[in-house]
């Protein structure tokens, strides 16, 4: 099979029929063998009924329905697990991503040998203050922190070599930074394509003000997990050593000052009267805690069970 299209959705009943027809038209025009996997992330409208009707009319359309809302990362993870295509395309269900971009993105993966091609919504039809400016800021930070030179990490329209989606674990809110996860999994050929962004035709955006907080926190999480998930002691151990060293130097300073004062027979201040005593005590306690955190992290990383377990209410194959 050439292409698997994975589409996470939440309350998008109005857009689904039009989107399915649009994708089918593109696939047929390019003679691709394909499947469309709609992942209903606990919708409360008639989205699943629409998907069932679409499945009856086109057996290339498949579906997964979560019993409740888990988030976009969970939907992508579940969709990735069922894909059979050589190239996996992800896109949003709100008609803001253009299926006409699929053939060229497919070509870039197959012929240009990219592992991942990320869309770049160079011209956006989103609110400037609530989406455009925060998006540019987060993307700038992500580029500087990871060295991945793409402009839109969170663009829903992406193309992946099948091995990529089978090798990475997307959970929590990590869908924003899949290129980073792919890079740290060893897939370094990451490309970018300017894509056409459509104005929202139906419904409203499902992302609220909380993304202003989640965005930078997710970036810190994915960088830490990518680099230290298999070796947490390397992070906490080094940090603990540095803090412990500060405490040790403070302790030596307190001791030397006391000995010098006694040797010169001058009144020596009590140890607890100097700030170095409290600095040393605090640093040693924190250093010890960091070491313990590293050891616990090592134990957890070796014994953690699967985190991606979701209640699936129904499937269409």
Protein backbone atom coordinates (compact mmCIF):
# COMPACT_ATOMS: atom_id res chain seq x y z
CA UNK A 1 0.00 0.00 0.00
CA UNK A 2 1.33 3.44 -0.94
CA UNK A 3 -0.24 5.77 1.63
CA UNK A 4 -1.94 5.66 5.01
CA UNK A 5 -3.68 8.90 5.99
CA UNK A 6 -4.14 9.29 9.76
CA UNK A 7 -6.67 11.91 10.82
CA UNK A 8 -7.27 12.60 14.55
CA UNK A 9 -10.53 14.39 15.24
CA UNK A 10 -12.78 15.71 17.96
CA UNK A 11 -16.29 16.94 17.13
CA UNK A 12 -15.79 17.47 13.39
CA UNK A 13 -18.98 15.91 11.99
CA UNK A 14 -19.55 18.69 9.44
CA UNK A 15 -16.15 18.55 7.78
CA UNK A 16 -15.62 14.77 7.53
CA UNK A 17 -17.67 13.98 4.38
CA UNK A 18 -16.04 16.80 2.42
CA UNK A 19 -12.57 15.85 3.63
CA UNK A 20 -13.04 12.17 2.76
CA UNK A 21 -14.22 13.02 -0.78
CA UNK A 22 -11.33 15.43 -1.26
CA UNK A 23 -8.71 12.86 -0.19
CA UNK A 24 -10.30 10.17 -2.39
CA UNK A 25 -10.24 12.50 -5.38
CA UNK A 26 -6.53 13.19 -4.89
CA UNK A 27 -5.68 9.52 -4.38
CA UNK A 28 -7.62 8.36 -7.44
CA UNK A 29 -6.13 11.08 -9.64
CA UNK A 30 -2.61 9.91 -8.70
CA UNK A 31 -3.48 6.18 -8.73
CA UNK A 32 -2.31 5.67 -5.14
CA UNK A 33 -3.35 2.65 -3.13
CA UNK A 34 -4.40 4.07 0.20
CA UNK A 35 -6.31 3.91 3.46
CA UNK A 36 -7.84 6.70 5.53
CA UNK A 37 -7.81 6.12 9.28
CA UNK A 38 -10.10 8.46 11.23
CA UNK A 39 -9.36 8.42 14.96
CA UNK A 40 -12.34 9.76 16.89
CA UNK A 41 -10.92 11.13 20.13
CA UNK A 42 -14.10 10.80 22.20
CA UNK A 43 -16.32 13.12 20.14
CA UNK A 44 -19.66 14.09 21.66
CA UNK A 45 -21.33 14.95 18.34
CA UNK A 46 -22.19 12.63 15.44
CA UNK A 47 -18.63 12.27 14.15
CA UNK A 48 -18.52 8.49 14.67
CA UNK A 49 -21.86 8.00 12.91
CA UNK A 50 -20.50 9.99 9.95
CA UNK A 51 -17.35 7.82 9.89
CA UNK A 52 -19.47 4.66 9.93
CA UNK A 53 -21.48 5.93 6.96
CA UNK A 54 -18.30 6.85 5.09
CA UNK A 55 -16.90 3.39 5.77
CA UNK A 56 -19.97 1.78 4.22
CA UNK A 57 -19.43 3.77 1.03
CA UNK A 58 -15.64 3.37 0.86
CA UNK A 59 -13.84 0.43 2.44
CA UNK A 60 -10.55 2.32 2.29
CA UNK A 61 -11.96 4.43 5.10
CA UNK A 62 -11.30 2.95 8.54
CA UNK A 63 -11.92 4.20 12.04
CA UNK A 64 -10.94 4.02 15.69
CA UNK A 65 -13.22 5.44 18.38
CA UNK A 66 -11.92 6.23 21.85
CA UNK A 67 -14.33 5.85 24.73
CA UNK A 68 -13.33 9.30 25.99
CA UNK A 69 -11.16 12.23 24.98
CA UNK A 70 -7.45 11.52 25.43
CA UNK A 71 -5.88 14.20 23.22
CA UNK A 72 -4.27 14.47 19.81
CA UNK A 73 -1.09 12.59 20.74
CA UNK A 74 -3.08 9.57 21.87
CA UNK A 75 -5.12 9.62 18.65
CA UNK A 76 -1.97 9.77 16.53
CA UNK A 77 -0.36 6.94 18.50
CA UNK A 78 -3.39 4.70 17.99
CA UNK A 79 -3.58 5.57 14.31
CA UNK A 80 0.13 4.98 13.74
CA UNK A 81 -0.13 1.51 15.25
CA UNK A 82 -2.63 0.38 12.58
CA UNK A 83 -1.07 1.89 9.46
CA UNK A 84 -0.09 -0.37 6.56
CA UNK A 85 1.13 2.19 4.01
CA UNK A 86 4.75 2.74 2.99
CA UNK A 87 4.23 6.46 3.66
CA UNK A 88 2.06 7.82 6.47
CA UNK A 89 0.37 11.19 6.07
CA UNK A 90 -1.12 13.03 9.04
CA UNK A 91 -3.55 15.90 8.71
CA UNK A 92 -6.20 17.67 10.74
CA UNK A 93 -9.90 17.06 10.18
CA UNK A 94 -10.99 20.69 10.07
CA UNK A 95 -10.27 21.22 6.33
CA UNK A 96 -7.47 23.67 7.09
CA UNK A 97 -4.92 21.18 5.72
CA UNK A 98 -5.00 20.76 1.94
CA UNK A 99 -4.99 17.14 0.61
CA UNK A 100 -3.62 18.44 -2.71
CA UNK A 101 -0.21 18.61 -0.95
CA UNK A 102 -0.11 14.83 -0.43
CA UNK A 103 1.37 13.75 -3.81
CA UNK A 104 4.40 16.03 -3.54
CA UNK A 105 5.02 15.14 0.10
CA UNK A 106 4.79 11.46 -0.85
CA UNK A 107 7.33 12.03 -3.63
CA UNK A 108 9.73 13.76 -1.24
CA UNK A 109 9.71 10.73 1.04
CA UNK A 110 9.91 8.09 -1.70
CA UNK A 111 12.18 9.78 -4.25
CA UNK A 112 14.12 12.37 -2.25
CA UNK A 113 14.60 9.86 0.58
CA UNK A 114 13.36 12.03 3.44
CA UNK A 115 12.35 10.26 6.65
CA UNK A 116 9.89 13.00 7.54
CA UNK A 117 8.49 15.97 5.64
CA UNK A 118 6.83 18.66 7.72
CA UNK A 119 4.37 21.15 6.30
CA UNK A 120 5.04 24.85 6.74
CA UNK A 121 1.98 27.09 6.88
CA UNK A 122 3.86 30.11 5.63
CA UNK A 123 0.63 32.05 5.22
CA UNK A 124 -1.77 31.30 8.05
CA UNK A 125 -5.46 32.07 8.48
CA UNK A 126 -5.36 31.90 12.28
CA UNK A 127 -5.76 34.72 14.85
CA UNK A 128 -2.51 36.66 15.06
CA UNK A 129 -2.29 37.17 18.83
CA UNK A 130 -3.68 33.85 20.02
CA UNK A 131 -2.03 31.50 17.50
CA UNK A 132 0.37 33.06 14.98
CA UNK A 133 2.69 34.91 17.36
CA UNK A 134 2.88 32.13 19.99
CA UNK A 135 3.47 29.58 17.22
CA UNK A 136 6.39 31.57 15.79
CA UNK A 137 7.90 31.98 19.25
CA UNK A 138 7.68 28.29 20.14
CA UNK A 139 9.05 27.26 16.75
CA UNK A 140 11.99 29.64 17.14
CA UNK A 141 12.78 28.19 20.56
CA UNK A 142 12.47 24.62 19.22
CA UNK A 143 14.86 25.35 16.33
CA UNK A 144 17.44 26.84 18.67
CA UNK A 145 17.15 24.03 21.20
CA UNK A 146 17.18 21.08 18.79
CA UNK A 147 19.03 22.23 15.69
CA UNK A 148 16.18 21.06 13.44
CA UNK A 149 15.77 23.74 10.78
CA UNK A 150 12.04 23.69 10.12
CA UNK A 151 9.60 26.53 10.61
CA UNK A 152 6.43 24.80 11.82
CA UNK A 153 6.94 21.89 14.23
CA UNK A 154 3.22 21.69 15.07
CA UNK A 155 1.81 21.65 11.53
CA UNK A 156 -0.71 18.82 11.36
CA UNK A 157 0.16 18.04 7.73
CA UNK A 158 3.22 15.79 7.69
CA UNK A 159 4.53 12.82 5.74
CA UNK A 160 6.53 10.02 7.34
CA UNK A 161 8.36 6.96 6.20
CA UNK A 162 6.50 4.06 7.79
CA UNK A 163 9.48 3.07 9.95
CA UNK A 164 9.38 6.47 11.64
CA UNK A 165 5.85 6.20 13.05
CA UNK A 166 6.52 2.62 14.12
CA UNK A 167 9.66 3.66 16.02
CA UNK A 168 8.54 6.67 18.05
CA UNK A 169 6.21 6.92 21.03
CA UNK A 170 3.83 9.87 20.98
CA UNK A 171 2.02 10.57 24.26
CA UNK A 172 0.84 13.42 26.45
CA UNK A 173 1.14 16.55 24.29
CA UNK A 174 4.21 15.43 22.34
CA UNK A 175 2.47 15.68 18.96
CA UNK A 176 3.77 19.24 18.79
CA UNK A 177 7.36 18.03 18.61
CA UNK A 178 7.27 14.79 16.59
CA UNK A 179 10.23 15.92 14.42
CA UNK A 180 12.34 16.07 17.59
CA UNK A 181 11.26 12.58 18.63
CA UNK A 182 12.07 11.32 15.12
CA UNK A 183 15.52 12.91 15.14
CA UNK A 184 16.45 11.40 18.48
CA UNK A 185 15.19 8.01 17.26
CA UNK A 186 17.81 8.21 14.51
CA UNK A 187 15.72 9.56 11.61
CA UNK A 188 17.72 12.64 10.68
CA UNK A 189 16.57 13.33 7.11
CA UNK A 190 13.87 15.83 7.99
CA UNK A 191 12.55 18.08 5.25
CA UNK A 192 10.00 20.82 4.93
CA UNK A 193 7.43 21.88 2.35
CA UNK A 194 5.45 25.09 2.18
CA UNK A 195 1.78 24.07 2.25
CA UNK A 196 -1.42 25.92 1.63
CA UNK A 197 -3.38 26.72 4.76
CA UNK A 198 -7.15 26.93 4.48
CA UNK A 199 -9.50 29.06 6.52
CA UNK A 200 -11.60 27.06 8.97
CA UNK A 201 -14.91 26.25 7.30
CA UNK A 202 -16.81 24.54 10.12
CA UNK A 203 -16.76 24.59 13.90
CA UNK A 204 -14.22 26.21 16.19
CA UNK A 205 -10.67 25.47 17.25
CA UNK A 206 -10.29 22.82 19.96
CA UNK A 207 -7.15 24.33 21.51
CA UNK A 208 -7.50 26.92 24.26
CA UNK A 209 -5.35 29.34 26.22
CA UNK A 210 -3.64 26.48 28.08
CA UNK A 211 -1.34 25.88 25.10
CA UNK A 212 0.61 29.02 26.11
CA UNK A 213 1.76 27.07 29.18
CA UNK A 214 1.89 23.59 27.68
CA UNK A 215 3.99 24.58 24.67
CA UNK A 216 7.29 25.42 26.40
CA UNK A 217 6.76 22.73 29.06
CA UNK A 218 6.27 20.10 26.36
CA UNK A 219 9.42 21.26 24.60
CA UNK A 220 11.46 20.92 27.79
CA UNK A 221 9.95 17.48 28.37
CA UNK A 222 10.65 16.15 24.91
CA UNK A 223 14.26 17.41 24.95
CA UNK A 224 14.88 15.83 28.33
CA UNK A 225 13.17 12.55 27.46
CA UNK A 226 14.89 12.30 24.08
CA UNK A 227 18.34 12.79 25.57
CA UNK A 228 18.10 11.25 29.02
CA UNK A 229 15.17 8.77 29.10
CA UNK A 230 17.61 5.84 28.88
CA UNK A 231 20.23 7.43 31.12
CA UNK A 232 18.60 9.75 33.68
CA UNK A 233 21.57 9.35 36.01
CA UNK A 234 23.71 11.18 33.45
CA UNK A 235 21.55 14.28 33.95
CA UNK A 236 20.77 14.11 37.65
CA UNK A 237 24.21 12.73 38.54
CA UNK A 238 26.09 15.59 36.87
CA UNK A 239 23.74 18.18 38.33
CA UNK A 240 23.95 16.58 41.78
CA UNK A 241 27.76 16.50 41.57
CA UNK A 242 27.92 20.21 40.76
CA UNK A 243 25.60 21.16 43.61
CA UNK A 244 27.44 18.86 46.01
CA UNK A 245 30.73 20.46 44.93
CA UNK A 246 29.35 23.89 45.87
CA UNK A 247 28.47 22.49 49.31
CA UNK A 248 31.91 20.96 49.69
CA UNK A 249 33.68 24.20 48.83
CA UNK A 250 31.46 26.06 51.29
CA UNK A 251 32.27 23.53 54.00
CA UNK A 252 36.01 23.86 53.38
CA UNK A 253 35.71 27.65 53.48
CA UNK A 254 33.95 27.52 56.88
CA UNK A 255 36.54 25.08 58.26
CA UNK A 256 39.56 27.02 57.01
CA UNK A 257 38.25 30.32 58.38
CA UNK A 258 37.69 28.72 61.77
CA UNK A 259 41.17 27.18 61.86
CA UNK A 260 42.86 30.44 60.76
CA UNK A 261 41.03 32.36 63.47
CA UNK A 262 42.08 29.85 66.13
CA UNK A 263 45.70 29.83 64.92
CA UNK A 264 45.89 33.63 65.12
CA UNK A 265 44.17 33.56 68.50
CA UNK A 266 41.44 35.97 67.43
CA UNK A 267 37.80 35.59 68.37
CA UNK A 268 36.33 33.09 65.93
CA UNK A 269 32.67 33.42 64.95
CA UNK A 270 30.48 30.43 65.48
CA UNK A 271 30.11 28.24 62.43
CA UNK A 272 26.35 28.78 62.38
CA UNK A 273 26.87 32.55 62.21
CA UNK A 274 28.36 32.38 58.71
CA UNK A 275 26.25 32.17 55.53
CA UNK A 276 28.60 29.51 54.16
CA UNK A 277 27.34 27.02 56.74
CA UNK A 278 23.76 27.26 55.50
CA UNK A 279 24.88 27.30 51.87
CA UNK A 280 26.89 24.13 52.46
CA UNK A 281 24.05 22.41 54.29
CA UNK A 282 21.48 23.29 51.59
CA UNK A 283 23.78 22.33 48.72
CA UNK A 284 24.60 18.94 50.23
CA UNK A 285 20.94 18.14 50.83
CA UNK A 286 19.96 19.16 47.29
CA UNK A 287 22.91 17.29 45.81
CA UNK A 288 21.92 14.13 47.66
CA UNK A 289 18.31 14.49 46.49
CA UNK A 290 19.43 14.85 42.88
CA UNK A 291 21.51 11.68 43.17
CA UNK A 292 18.49 9.86 44.58
CA UNK A 293 16.33 11.22 41.75
CA UNK A 294 18.84 9.83 39.28
CA UNK A 295 18.81 6.38 40.87
CA UNK A 296 15.01 6.33 40.98
CA UNK A 297 14.90 7.48 37.35
CA UNK A 298 17.20 4.59 36.38
CA UNK A 299 14.90 2.13 38.12
CA UNK A 300 11.77 3.59 36.53
CA UNK A 301 13.30 3.65 33.03
CA UNK A 302 14.11 -0.04 33.32
CA UNK A 303 10.78 -1.18 34.77
CA UNK A 304 8.13 1.19 33.36
CA UNK A 305 5.15 -0.50 31.72
CA UNK A 306 3.53 0.82 28.55
CA UNK A 307 2.13 4.30 29.06
CA UNK A 308 0.05 4.30 25.89
CA UNK A 309 -3.03 2.31 26.81
CA UNK A 310 -6.37 3.76 25.75
CA UNK A 311 -9.93 2.47 25.95
CA UNK A 312 -11.18 1.84 22.42
CA UNK A 313 -14.94 1.65 22.12
CA UNK A 314 -15.22 0.61 18.47
CA UNK A 315 -13.15 0.08 15.30
CA UNK A 316 -13.84 -0.08 11.58
CA UNK A 317 -11.45 -2.14 9.44
